[in-house]
mmCIF file of all heavy atoms, coordinates in Angstrom:
data_MODEL
# 
_entry.id   MODEL 
# 
loop_
_atom_site.group_PDB 
_atom_site.id 
_atom_site.type_symbol 
_atom_site.label_atom_id 
_atom_site.label_alt_id 
_atom_site.label_comp_id 
_atom_site.label_asym_id 
_atom_site.label_entity_id 
_atom_site.label_seq_id 
_atom_site.pdbx_PDB_ins_code 
_atom_site.Cartn_x 
_atom_site.Cartn_y 
_atom_site.Cartn_z 
_atom_site.occupancy 
_atom_site.B_iso_or_equiv 
_atom_site.pdbx_formal_charge 
_atom_site.auth_seq_id 
_atom_site.auth_comp_id 
_atom_site.auth_asym_id 
_atom_site.auth_atom_id 
_atom_site.pdbx_PDB_model_num 
ATOM 1   N N   . ALA A 1 1  ? -69.773 -63.946 29.621 1.00 0.00 ? 1  ALA A N   1 
ATOM 2   C CA  . ALA A 1 1  ? -68.616 -63.273 30.219 1.00 0.00 ? 1  ALA A CA  1 
ATOM 3   C C   . ALA A 1 1  ? -67.308 -63.751 29.598 1.00 0.00 ? 1  ALA A C   1 
ATOM 4   O O   . ALA A 1 1  ? -66.413 -62.937 29.326 1.00 0.00 ? 1  ALA A O   1 
ATOM 5   C CB  . ALA A 1 1  ? -68.608 -63.514 31.726 1.00 0.00 ? 1  ALA A CB  1 
ATOM 6   N N   . THR A 1 2  ? -67.183 -65.058 29.347 1.00 0.00 ? 2  THR A N   1 
ATOM 7   C CA  . THR A 1 2  ? -65.929 -65.550 28.774 1.00 0.00 ? 2  THR A CA  1 
ATOM 8   C C   . THR A 1 2  ? -65.745 -65.096 27.328 1.00 0.00 ? 2  THR A C   1 
ATOM 9   O O   . THR A 1 2  ? -64.634 -64.759 26.928 1.00 0.00 ? 2  THR A O   1 
ATOM 10  C CB  . THR A 1 2  ? -65.832 -67.083 28.843 1.00 0.00 ? 2  THR A CB  1 
ATOM 11  O OG1 . THR A 1 2  ? -66.914 -67.668 28.139 1.00 0.00 ? 2  THR A OG1 1 
ATOM 12  C CG2 . THR A 1 2  ? -65.811 -67.568 30.275 1.00 0.00 ? 2  THR A CG2 1 
ATOM 13  N N   . VAL A 1 3  ? -66.835 -65.074 26.571 1.00 0.00 ? 3  VAL A N   1 
ATOM 14  C CA  . VAL A 1 3  ? -66.722 -64.601 25.181 1.00 0.00 ? 3  VAL A CA  1 
ATOM 15  C C   . VAL A 1 3  ? -66.394 -63.110 25.162 1.00 0.00 ? 3  VAL A C   1 
ATOM 16  O O   . VAL A 1 3  ? -65.516 -62.668 24.406 1.00 0.00 ? 3  VAL A O   1 
ATOM 17  C CB  . VAL A 1 3  ? -68.008 -64.919 24.387 1.00 0.00 ? 3  VAL A CB  1 
ATOM 18  C CG1 . VAL A 1 3  ? -68.007 -64.225 23.040 1.00 0.00 ? 3  VAL A CG1 1 
ATOM 19  C CG2 . VAL A 1 3  ? -68.170 -66.423 24.216 1.00 0.00 ? 3  VAL A CG2 1 
ATOM 20  N N   . LEU A 1 4  ? -67.066 -62.323 25.992 1.00 0.00 ? 4  LEU A N   1 
ATOM 21  C CA  . LEU A 1 4  ? -66.757 -60.892 26.060 1.00 0.00 ? 4  LEU A CA  1 
ATOM 22  C C   . LEU A 1 4  ? -65.329 -60.662 26.543 1.00 0.00 ? 4  LEU A C   1 
ATOM 23  O O   . LEU A 1 4  ? -64.656 -59.736 26.076 1.00 0.00 ? 4  LEU A O   1 
ATOM 24  C CB  . LEU A 1 4  ? -67.737 -60.171 26.992 1.00 0.00 ? 4  LEU A CB  1 
ATOM 25  C CG  . LEU A 1 4  ? -69.110 -59.870 26.439 1.00 0.00 ? 4  LEU A CG  1 
ATOM 26  C CD1 . LEU A 1 4  ? -69.982 -59.221 27.504 1.00 0.00 ? 4  LEU A CD1 1 
ATOM 27  C CD2 . LEU A 1 4  ? -69.019 -58.960 25.230 1.00 0.00 ? 4  LEU A CD2 1 
ATOM 28  N N   . GLY A 1 5  ? -64.877 -61.501 27.463 1.00 0.00 ? 5  GLY A N   1 
ATOM 29  C CA  . GLY A 1 5  ? -63.518 -61.369 27.970 1.00 0.00 ? 5  GLY A CA  1 
ATOM 30  C C   . GLY A 1 5  ? -62.464 -61.575 26.905 1.00 0.00 ? 5  GLY A C   1 
ATOM 31  O O   . GLY A 1 5  ? -61.354 -61.043 27.001 1.00 0.00 ? 5  GLY A O   1 
ATOM 32  N N   . ARG A 1 6  ? -62.783 -62.345 25.891 1.00 0.00 ? 6  ARG A N   1 
ATOM 33  C CA  . ARG A 1 6  ? -61.834 -62.557 24.787 1.00 0.00 ? 6  ARG A CA  1 
ATOM 34  C C   . ARG A 1 6  ? -61.781 -61.350 23.854 1.00 0.00 ? 6  ARG A C   1 
ATOM 35  O O   . ARG A 1 6  ? -60.759 -61.076 23.237 1.00 0.00 ? 6  ARG A O   1 
ATOM 36  C CB  . ARG A 1 6  ? -62.213 -63.791 23.973 1.00 0.00 ? 6  ARG A CB  1 
ATOM 37  C CG  . ARG A 1 6  ? -62.172 -65.065 24.733 1.00 0.00 ? 6  ARG A CG  1 
ATOM 38  C CD  . ARG A 1 6  ? -60.775 -65.426 25.157 1.00 0.00 ? 6  ARG A CD  1 
ATOM 39  N NE  . ARG A 1 6  ? -60.814 -66.582 26.050 1.00 0.00 ? 6  ARG A NE  1 
ATOM 40  C CZ  . ARG A 1 6  ? -59.797 -67.030 26.708 1.00 0.00 ? 6  ARG A CZ  1 
ATOM 41  N NH1 . ARG A 1 6  ? -58.623 -66.444 26.608 1.00 0.00 ? 6  ARG A NH1 1 
ATOM 42  N NH2 . ARG A 1 6  ? -59.923 -68.069 27.495 1.00 0.00 ? 6  ARG A NH2 1 
ATOM 43  N N   . PHE A 1 7  ? -62.884 -60.621 23.737 1.00 0.00 ? 7  PHE A N   1 
ATOM 44  C CA  . PHE A 1 7  ? -62.934 -59.511 22.785 1.00 0.00 ? 7  PHE A CA  1 
ATOM 45  C C   . PHE A 1 7  ? -62.657 -58.148 23.413 1.00 0.00 ? 7  PHE A C   1 
ATOM 46  O O   . PHE A 1 7  ? -62.247 -57.234 22.727 1.00 0.00 ? 7  PHE A O   1 
ATOM 47  C CB  . PHE A 1 7  ? -64.291 -59.482 22.077 1.00 0.00 ? 7  PHE A CB  1 
ATOM 48  C CG  . PHE A 1 7  ? -64.504 -60.653 21.173 1.00 0.00 ? 7  PHE A CG  1 
ATOM 49  C CD1 . PHE A 1 7  ? -65.431 -61.634 21.477 1.00 0.00 ? 7  PHE A CD1 1 
ATOM 50  C CD2 . PHE A 1 7  ? -63.756 -60.798 20.017 1.00 0.00 ? 7  PHE A CD2 1 
ATOM 51  C CE1 . PHE A 1 7  ? -65.633 -62.729 20.644 1.00 0.00 ? 7  PHE A CE1 1 
ATOM 52  C CE2 . PHE A 1 7  ? -63.932 -61.884 19.177 1.00 0.00 ? 7  PHE A CE2 1 
ATOM 53  C CZ  . PHE A 1 7  ? -64.870 -62.848 19.498 1.00 0.00 ? 7  PHE A CZ  1 
ATOM 54  N N   . LYS A 1 8  ? -62.921 -58.017 24.699 1.00 0.00 ? 8  LYS A N   1 
ATOM 55  C CA  . LYS A 1 8  ? -62.697 -56.738 25.382 1.00 0.00 ? 8  LYS A CA  1 
ATOM 56  C C   . LYS A 1 8  ? -61.604 -56.917 26.428 1.00 0.00 ? 8  LYS A C   1 
ATOM 57  O O   . LYS A 1 8  ? -61.815 -57.565 27.444 1.00 0.00 ? 8  LYS A O   1 
ATOM 58  C CB  . LYS A 1 8  ? -63.985 -56.248 26.031 1.00 0.00 ? 8  LYS A CB  1 
ATOM 59  C CG  . LYS A 1 8  ? -65.067 -55.940 25.025 1.00 0.00 ? 8  LYS A CG  1 
ATOM 60  C CD  . LYS A 1 8  ? -66.220 -55.263 25.664 1.00 0.00 ? 8  LYS A CD  1 
ATOM 61  C CE  . LYS A 1 8  ? -67.222 -54.891 24.573 1.00 0.00 ? 8  LYS A CE  1 
ATOM 62  N NZ  . LYS A 1 8  ? -68.098 -53.848 24.988 1.00 0.00 ? 8  LYS A NZ  1 
ATOM 63  N N   . PRO A 1 9  ? -60.444 -56.332 26.182 1.00 0.00 ? 9  PRO A N   1 
ATOM 64  C CA  . PRO A 1 9  ? -59.307 -56.540 27.085 1.00 0.00 ? 9  PRO A CA  1 
ATOM 65  C C   . PRO A 1 9  ? -59.563 -56.112 28.533 1.00 0.00 ? 9  PRO A C   1 
ATOM 66  O O   . PRO A 1 9  ? -59.069 -56.726 29.455 1.00 0.00 ? 9  PRO A O   1 
ATOM 67  C CB  . PRO A 1 9  ? -58.188 -55.698 26.464 1.00 0.00 ? 9  PRO A CB  1 
ATOM 68  C CG  . PRO A 1 9  ? -58.604 -55.463 25.059 1.00 0.00 ? 9  PRO A CG  1 
ATOM 69  C CD  . PRO A 1 9  ? -60.095 -55.521 25.032 1.00 0.00 ? 9  PRO A CD  1 
ATOM 70  N N   . GLN A 1 10 ? -60.342 -55.050 28.753 1.00 0.00 ? 10 GLN A N   1 
ATOM 71  C CA  . GLN A 1 10 ? -60.587 -54.592 30.119 1.00 0.00 ? 10 GLN A CA  1 
ATOM 72  C C   . GLN A 1 10 ? -61.408 -55.614 30.912 1.00 0.00 ? 10 GLN A C   1 
ATOM 73  O O   . GLN A 1 10 ? -61.211 -55.779 32.110 1.00 0.00 ? 10 GLN A O   1 
ATOM 74  C CB  . GLN A 1 10 ? -61.241 -53.211 30.163 1.00 0.00 ? 10 GLN A CB  1 
ATOM 75  C CG  . GLN A 1 10 ? -62.609 -53.112 29.519 1.00 0.00 ? 10 GLN A CG  1 
ATOM 76  C CD  . GLN A 1 10 ? -62.577 -52.804 28.042 1.00 0.00 ? 10 GLN A CD  1 
ATOM 77  O OE1 . GLN A 1 10 ? -61.613 -53.108 27.357 1.00 0.00 ? 10 GLN A OE1 1 
ATOM 78  N NE2 . GLN A 1 10 ? -63.640 -52.210 27.532 1.00 0.00 ? 10 GLN A NE2 1 
ATOM 79  N N   . ILE A 1 11 ? -62.290 -56.346 30.253 1.00 0.00 ? 11 ILE A N   1 
ATOM 80  C CA  . ILE A 1 11 ? -63.052 -57.417 30.915 1.00 0.00 ? 11 ILE A CA  1 
ATOM 81  C C   . ILE A 1 11 ? -62.175 -58.659 31.030 1.00 0.00 ? 11 ILE A C   1 
ATOM 82  O O   . ILE A 1 11 ? -62.141 -59.307 32.077 1.00 0.00 ? 11 ILE A O   1 
ATOM 83  C CB  . ILE A 1 11 ? -64.342 -57.738 30.139 1.00 0.00 ? 11 ILE A CB  1 
ATOM 84  C CG1 . ILE A 1 11 ? -65.274 -56.544 30.141 1.00 0.00 ? 11 ILE A CG1 1 
ATOM 85  C CG2 . ILE A 1 11 ? -65.045 -58.957 30.726 1.00 0.00 ? 11 ILE A CG2 1 
ATOM 86  C CD1 . ILE A 1 11 ? -66.496 -56.704 29.254 1.00 0.00 ? 11 ILE A CD1 1 
ATOM 87  N N   . GLY A 1 12 ? -61.478 -58.994 29.969 1.00 0.00 ? 12 GLY A N   1 
ATOM 88  C CA  . GLY A 1 12 ? -60.640 -60.192 29.950 1.00 0.00 ? 12 GLY A CA  1 
ATOM 89  C C   . GLY A 1 12 ? -59.536 -60.171 30.981 1.00 0.00 ? 12 GLY A C   1 
ATOM 90  O O   . GLY A 1 12 ? -59.223 -61.200 31.597 1.00 0.00 ? 12 GLY A O   1 
ATOM 91  N N   . SER A 1 13 ? -58.939 -59.008 31.221 1.00 0.00 ? 13 SER A N   1 
ATOM 92  C CA  . SER A 1 13 ? -57.854 -58.944 32.195 1.00 0.00 ? 13 SER A CA  1 
ATOM 93  C C   . SER A 1 13 ? -58.358 -59.180 33.609 1.00 0.00 ? 13 SER A C   1 
ATOM 94  O O   . SER A 1 13 ? -57.624 -59.684 34.459 1.00 0.00 ? 13 SER A O   1 
ATOM 95  C CB  . SER A 1 13 ? -57.130 -57.602 32.101 1.00 0.00 ? 13 SER A CB  1 
ATOM 96  O OG  . SER A 1 13 ? -58.015 -56.550 32.415 1.00 0.00 ? 13 SER A OG  1 
ATOM 97  N N   . LYS A 1 14 ? -59.607 -58.854 33.878 1.00 0.00 ? 14 LYS A N   1 
ATOM 98  C CA  . LYS A 1 14 ? -60.188 -59.119 35.202 1.00 0.00 ? 14 LYS A CA  1 
ATOM 99  C C   . LYS A 1 14 ? -60.662 -60.561 35.306 1.00 0.00 ? 14 LYS A C   1 
ATOM 100 O O   . LYS A 1 14 ? -60.477 -61.210 36.331 1.00 0.00 ? 14 LYS A O   1 
ATOM 101 C CB  . LYS A 1 14 ? -61.353 -58.176 35.463 1.00 0.00 ? 14 LYS A CB  1 
ATOM 102 C CG  . LYS A 1 14 ? -60.937 -56.739 35.605 1.00 0.00 ? 14 LYS A CG  1 
ATOM 103 C CD  . LYS A 1 14 ? -62.127 -55.840 35.780 1.00 0.00 ? 14 LYS A CD  1 
ATOM 104 C CE  . LYS A 1 14 ? -61.676 -54.383 35.793 1.00 0.00 ? 14 LYS A CE  1 
ATOM 105 N NZ  . LYS A 1 14 ? -62.795 -53.469 35.810 1.00 0.00 ? 14 LYS A NZ  1 
ATOM 106 N N   . LEU A 1 15 ? -61.281 -61.059 34.252 1.00 0.00 ? 15 LEU A N   1 
ATOM 107 C CA  . LEU A 1 15 ? -61.846 -62.399 34.271 1.00 0.00 ? 15 LEU A CA  1 
ATOM 108 C C   . LEU A 1 15 ? -60.763 -63.471 34.217 1.00 0.00 ? 15 LEU A C   1 
ATOM 109 O O   . LEU A 1 15 ? -60.835 -64.476 34.921 1.00 0.00 ? 15 LEU A O   1 
ATOM 110 C CB  . LEU A 1 15 ? -62.808 -62.564 33.084 1.00 0.00 ? 15 LEU A CB  1 
ATOM 111 C CG  . LEU A 1 15 ? -63.631 -63.826 33.025 1.00 0.00 ? 15 LEU A CG  1 
ATOM 112 C CD1 . LEU A 1 15 ? -64.554 -63.913 34.232 1.00 0.00 ? 15 LEU A CD1 1 
ATOM 113 C CD2 . LEU A 1 15 ? -64.448 -63.859 31.749 1.00 0.00 ? 15 LEU A CD2 1 
ATOM 114 N N   . PHE A 1 16 ? -59.753 -63.254 33.399 1.00 0.00 ? 16 PHE A N   1 
ATOM 115 C CA  . PHE A 1 16 ? -58.672 -64.223 33.233 1.00 0.00 ? 16 PHE A CA  1 
ATOM 116 C C   . PHE A 1 16 ? -57.389 -63.647 33.842 1.00 0.00 ? 16 PHE A C   1 
ATOM 117 O O   . PHE A 1 16 ? -56.376 -63.497 33.168 1.00 0.00 ? 16 PHE A O   1 
ATOM 118 C CB  . PHE A 1 16 ? -58.451 -64.551 31.762 1.00 0.00 ? 16 PHE A CB  1 
ATOM 119 C CG  . PHE A 1 16 ? -59.690 -64.988 31.043 1.00 0.00 ? 16 PHE A CG  1 
ATOM 120 C CD1 . PHE A 1 16 ? -60.211 -64.234 30.005 1.00 0.00 ? 16 PHE A CD1 1 
ATOM 121 C CD2 . PHE A 1 16 ? -60.345 -66.157 31.403 1.00 0.00 ? 16 PHE A CD2 1 
ATOM 122 C CE1 . PHE A 1 16 ? -61.351 -64.647 29.332 1.00 0.00 ? 16 PHE A CE1 1 
ATOM 123 C CE2 . PHE A 1 16 ? -61.481 -66.569 30.740 1.00 0.00 ? 16 PHE A CE2 1 
ATOM 124 C CZ  . PHE A 1 16 ? -61.988 -65.815 29.709 1.00 0.00 ? 16 PHE A CZ  1 
ATOM 125 N N   . SER A 1 17 ? -57.417 -63.344 35.106 1.00 0.00 ? 17 SER A N   1 
ATOM 126 C CA  . SER A 1 17 ? -56.298 -62.640 35.738 1.00 0.00 ? 17 SER A CA  1 
ATOM 127 C C   . SER A 1 17 ? -55.053 -63.499 35.893 1.00 0.00 ? 17 SER A C   1 
ATOM 128 O O   . SER A 1 17 ? -53.969 -62.980 36.138 1.00 0.00 ? 17 SER A O   1 
ATOM 129 C CB  . SER A 1 17 ? -56.730 -62.113 37.107 1.00 0.00 ? 17 SER A CB  1 
ATOM 130 O OG  . SER A 1 17 ? -57.128 -63.186 37.941 1.00 0.00 ? 17 SER A OG  1 
ATOM 131 N N   . LYS A 1 18 ? -55.168 -64.818 35.742 1.00 0.00 ? 18 LYS A N   1 
ATOM 132 C CA  . LYS A 1 18 ? -54.017 -65.702 35.941 1.00 0.00 ? 18 LYS A CA  1 
ATOM 133 C C   . LYS A 1 18 ? -53.105 -65.792 34.712 1.00 0.00 ? 18 LYS A C   1 
ATOM 134 O O   . LYS A 1 18 ? -51.999 -66.302 34.818 1.00 0.00 ? 18 LYS A O   1 
ATOM 135 C CB  . LYS A 1 18 ? -54.490 -67.093 36.331 1.00 0.00 ? 18 LYS A CB  1 
ATOM 136 C CG  . LYS A 1 18 ? -55.270 -67.097 37.622 1.00 0.00 ? 18 LYS A CG  1 
ATOM 137 C CD  . LYS A 1 18 ? -55.055 -68.351 38.373 1.00 0.00 ? 18 LYS A CD  1 
ATOM 138 C CE  . LYS A 1 18 ? -55.973 -68.380 39.563 1.00 0.00 ? 18 LYS A CE  1 
ATOM 139 N NZ  . LYS A 1 18 ? -55.374 -68.049 40.784 1.00 0.00 ? 18 LYS A NZ  1 
ATOM 140 N N   . ILE A 1 19 ? -53.573 -65.331 33.556 1.00 0.00 ? 19 ILE A N   1 
ATOM 141 C CA  . ILE A 1 19 ? -52.696 -65.363 32.378 1.00 0.00 ? 19 ILE A CA  1 
ATOM 142 C C   . ILE A 1 19 ? -52.374 -63.925 31.974 1.00 0.00 ? 19 ILE A C   1 
ATOM 143 O O   . ILE A 1 19 ? -53.154 -63.009 32.242 1.00 0.00 ? 19 ILE A O   1 
ATOM 144 C CB  . ILE A 1 19 ? -53.332 -66.130 31.194 1.00 0.00 ? 19 ILE A CB  1 
ATOM 145 C CG1 . ILE A 1 19 ? -54.571 -65.429 30.650 1.00 0.00 ? 19 ILE A CG1 1 
ATOM 146 C CG2 . ILE A 1 19 ? -53.678 -67.537 31.581 1.00 0.00 ? 19 ILE A CG2 1 
ATOM 147 C CD1 . ILE A 1 19 ? -55.042 -65.997 29.333 1.00 0.00 ? 19 ILE A CD1 1 
ATOM 148 N N   . PRO A 1 20 ? -51.241 -63.718 31.343 1.00 0.00 ? 20 PRO A N   1 
ATOM 149 C CA  . PRO A 1 20 ? -50.869 -62.368 30.913 1.00 0.00 ? 20 PRO A CA  1 
ATOM 150 C C   . PRO A 1 20 ? -51.896 -61.809 29.908 1.00 0.00 ? 20 PRO A C   1 
ATOM 151 O O   . PRO A 1 20 ? -52.439 -62.559 29.097 1.00 0.00 ? 20 PRO A O   1 
ATOM 152 C CB  . PRO A 1 20 ? -49.517 -62.561 30.237 1.00 0.00 ? 20 PRO A CB  1 
ATOM 153 C CG  . PRO A 1 20 ? -49.001 -63.861 30.742 1.00 0.00 ? 20 PRO A CG  1 
ATOM 154 C CD  . PRO A 1 20 ? -50.200 -64.690 31.057 1.00 0.00 ? 20 PRO A CD  1 
ATOM 155 N N   . PRO A 1 21 ? -52.163 -60.515 29.973 1.00 0.00 ? 21 PRO A N   1 
ATOM 156 C CA  . PRO A 1 21 ? -53.163 -59.906 29.077 1.00 0.00 ? 21 PRO A CA  1 
ATOM 157 C C   . PRO A 1 21 ? -52.898 -60.149 27.594 1.00 0.00 ? 21 PRO A C   1 
ATOM 158 O O   . PRO A 1 21 ? -53.834 -60.278 26.810 1.00 0.00 ? 21 PRO A O   1 
ATOM 159 C CB  . PRO A 1 21 ? -53.085 -58.413 29.398 1.00 0.00 ? 21 PRO A CB  1 
ATOM 160 C CG  . PRO A 1 21 ? -52.521 -58.346 30.767 1.00 0.00 ? 21 PRO A CG  1 
ATOM 161 C CD  . PRO A 1 21 ? -51.622 -59.544 30.915 1.00 0.00 ? 21 PRO A CD  1 
ATOM 162 N N   . GLU A 1 22 ? -51.634 -60.235 27.195 1.00 0.00 ? 22 GLU A N   1 
ATOM 163 C CA  . GLU A 1 22 ? -51.339 -60.440 25.770 1.00 0.00 ? 22 GLU A CA  1 
ATOM 164 C C   . GLU A 1 22 ? -51.672 -61.861 25.317 1.00 0.00 ? 22 GLU A C   1 
ATOM 165 O O   . GLU A 1 22 ? -51.776 -62.115 24.123 1.00 0.00 ? 22 GLU A O   1 
ATOM 166 C CB  . GLU A 1 22 ? -49.873 -60.115 25.452 1.00 0.00 ? 22 GLU A CB  1 
ATOM 167 C CG  . GLU A 1 22 ? -48.851 -60.949 26.186 1.00 0.00 ? 22 GLU A CG  1 
ATOM 168 C CD  . GLU A 1 22 ? -48.479 -60.412 27.562 1.00 0.00 ? 22 GLU A CD  1 
ATOM 169 O OE1 . GLU A 1 22 ? -49.024 -59.395 27.992 1.00 0.00 ? 22 GLU A OE1 1 
ATOM 170 O OE2 . GLU A 1 22 ? -47.627 -61.055 28.199 1.00 0.00 ? 22 GLU A OE2 1 
ATOM 171 N N   . GLU A 1 23 ? -51.867 -62.781 26.252 1.00 0.00 ? 23 GLU A N   1 
ATOM 172 C CA  . GLU A 1 23 ? -52.216 -64.160 25.894 1.00 0.00 ? 23 GLU A CA  1 
ATOM 173 C C   . GLU A 1 23 ? -53.717 -64.423 25.917 1.00 0.00 ? 23 GLU A C   1 
ATOM 174 O O   . GLU A 1 23 ? -54.142 -65.520 25.578 1.00 0.00 ? 23 GLU A O   1 
ATOM 175 C CB  . GLU A 1 23 ? -51.519 -65.140 26.842 1.00 0.00 ? 23 GLU A CB  1 
ATOM 176 C CG  . GLU A 1 23 ? -50.038 -65.241 26.629 1.00 0.00 ? 23 GLU A CG  1 
ATOM 177 C CD  . GLU A 1 23 ? -49.417 -66.340 27.468 1.00 0.00 ? 23 GLU A CD  1 
ATOM 178 O OE1 . GLU A 1 23 ? -50.142 -67.247 27.914 1.00 0.00 ? 23 GLU A OE1 1 
ATOM 179 O OE2 . GLU A 1 23 ? -48.195 -66.289 27.665 1.00 0.00 ? 23 GLU A OE2 1 
ATOM 180 N N   . ILE A 1 24 ? -54.522 -63.460 26.310 1.00 0.00 ? 24 ILE A N   1 
ATOM 181 C CA  . ILE A 1 24 ? -55.972 -63.676 26.410 1.00 0.00 ? 24 ILE A CA  1 
ATOM 182 C C   . ILE A 1 24 ? -56.561 -64.079 25.068 1.00 0.00 ? 24 ILE A C   1 
ATOM 183 O O   . ILE A 1 24 ? -57.431 -64.934 24.999 1.00 0.00 ? 24 ILE A O   1 
ATOM 184 C CB  . ILE A 1 24 ? -56.671 -62.423 26.980 1.00 0.00 ? 24 ILE A CB  1 
ATOM 185 C CG1 . ILE A 1 24 ? -56.305 -62.285 28.458 1.00 0.00 ? 24 ILE A CG1 1 
ATOM 186 C CG2 . ILE A 1 24 ? -58.180 -62.497 26.802 1.00 0.00 ? 24 ILE A CG2 1 
ATOM 187 C CD1 . ILE A 1 24 ? -56.833 -61.041 29.111 1.00 0.00 ? 24 ILE A CD1 1 
ATOM 188 N N   . ARG A 1 25 ? -56.070 -63.497 23.992 1.00 0.00 ? 25 ARG A N   1 
ATOM 189 C CA  . ARG A 1 25 ? -56.588 -63.820 22.656 1.00 0.00 ? 25 ARG A CA  1 
ATOM 190 C C   . ARG A 1 25 ? -55.748 -64.842 21.906 1.00 0.00 ? 25 ARG A C   1 
ATOM 191 O O   . ARG A 1 25 ? -56.165 -65.328 20.858 1.00 0.00 ? 25 ARG A O   1 
ATOM 192 C CB  . ARG A 1 25 ? -56.669 -62.552 21.808 1.00 0.00 ? 25 ARG A CB  1 
ATOM 193 C CG  . ARG A 1 25 ? -57.731 -61.606 22.249 1.00 0.00 ? 25 ARG A CG  1 
ATOM 194 C CD  . ARG A 1 25 ? -57.821 -60.480 21.264 1.00 0.00 ? 25 ARG A CD  1 
ATOM 195 N NE  . ARG A 1 25 ? -58.861 -59.542 21.650 1.00 0.00 ? 25 ARG A NE  1 
ATOM 196 C CZ  . ARG A 1 25 ? -59.106 -58.441 21.002 1.00 0.00 ? 25 ARG A CZ  1 
ATOM 197 N NH1 . ARG A 1 25 ? -58.389 -58.138 19.953 1.00 0.00 ? 25 ARG A NH1 1 
ATOM 198 N NH2 . ARG A 1 25 ? -60.064 -57.648 21.394 1.00 0.00 ? 25 ARG A NH2 1 
ATOM 199 N N   . THR A 1 26 ? -54.576 -65.185 22.411 1.00 0.00 ? 26 THR A N   1 
ATOM 200 C CA  . THR A 1 26 ? -53.685 -66.038 21.634 1.00 0.00 ? 26 THR A CA  1 
ATOM 201 C C   . THR A 1 26 ? -53.423 -67.409 22.246 1.00 0.00 ? 26 THR A C   1 
ATOM 202 O O   . THR A 1 26 ? -52.986 -68.306 21.537 1.00 0.00 ? 26 THR A O   1 
ATOM 203 C CB  . THR A 1 26 ? -52.323 -65.336 21.432 1.00 0.00 ? 26 THR A CB  1 
ATOM 204 O OG1 . THR A 1 26 ? -51.752 -65.057 22.707 1.00 0.00 ? 26 THR A OG1 1 
ATOM 205 C CG2 . THR A 1 26 ? -52.481 -64.057 20.639 1.00 0.00 ? 26 THR A CG2 1 
ATOM 206 N N   . ASN A 1 27 ? -53.660 -67.598 23.513 1.00 0.00 ? 27 ASN A N   1 
ATOM 207 C CA  . ASN A 1 27 ? -53.389 -68.870 24.180 1.00 0.00 ? 27 ASN A CA  1 
ATOM 208 C C   . ASN A 1 27 ? -54.504 -69.858 23.843 1.00 0.00 ? 27 ASN A C   1 
ATOM 209 O O   . ASN A 1 27 ? -55.566 -69.882 24.470 1.00 0.00 ? 27 ASN A O   1 
ATOM 210 C CB  . ASN A 1 27 ? -53.280 -68.655 25.688 1.00 0.00 ? 27 ASN A CB  1 
ATOM 211 C CG  . ASN A 1 27 ? -52.820 -69.881 26.424 1.00 0.00 ? 27 ASN A CG  1 
ATOM 212 O OD1 . ASN A 1 27 ? -53.043 -71.007 25.985 1.00 0.00 ? 27 ASN A OD1 1 
ATOM 213 N ND2 . ASN A 1 27 ? -52.185 -69.660 27.561 1.00 0.00 ? 27 ASN A ND2 1 
ATOM 214 N N   . ILE A 1 28 ? -54.279 -70.688 22.834 1.00 0.00 ? 28 ILE A N   1 
ATOM 215 C CA  . ILE A 1 28 ? -55.303 -71.590 22.307 1.00 0.00 ? 28 ILE A CA  1 
ATOM 216 C C   . ILE A 1 28 ? -55.820 -72.556 23.373 1.00 0.00 ? 28 ILE A C   1 
ATOM 217 O O   . ILE A 1 28 ? -57.020 -72.778 23.480 1.00 0.00 ? 28 ILE A O   1 
ATOM 218 C CB  . ILE A 1 28 ? -54.765 -72.373 21.084 1.00 0.00 ? 28 ILE A CB  1 
ATOM 219 C CG1 . ILE A 1 28 ? -54.341 -71.418 19.971 1.00 0.00 ? 28 ILE A CG1 1 
ATOM 220 C CG2 . ILE A 1 28 ? -55.795 -73.371 20.570 1.00 0.00 ? 28 ILE A CG2 1 
ATOM 221 C CD1 . ILE A 1 28 ? -55.439 -70.554 19.431 1.00 0.00 ? 28 ILE A CD1 1 
# 
């Protein structure tokens, strides 16, 4: 789920809801 959340924004925005969507792939 975490790996998919990094590659698919629709999953990542639900899984990592505490950070802004634009940071899902960039927040190291």
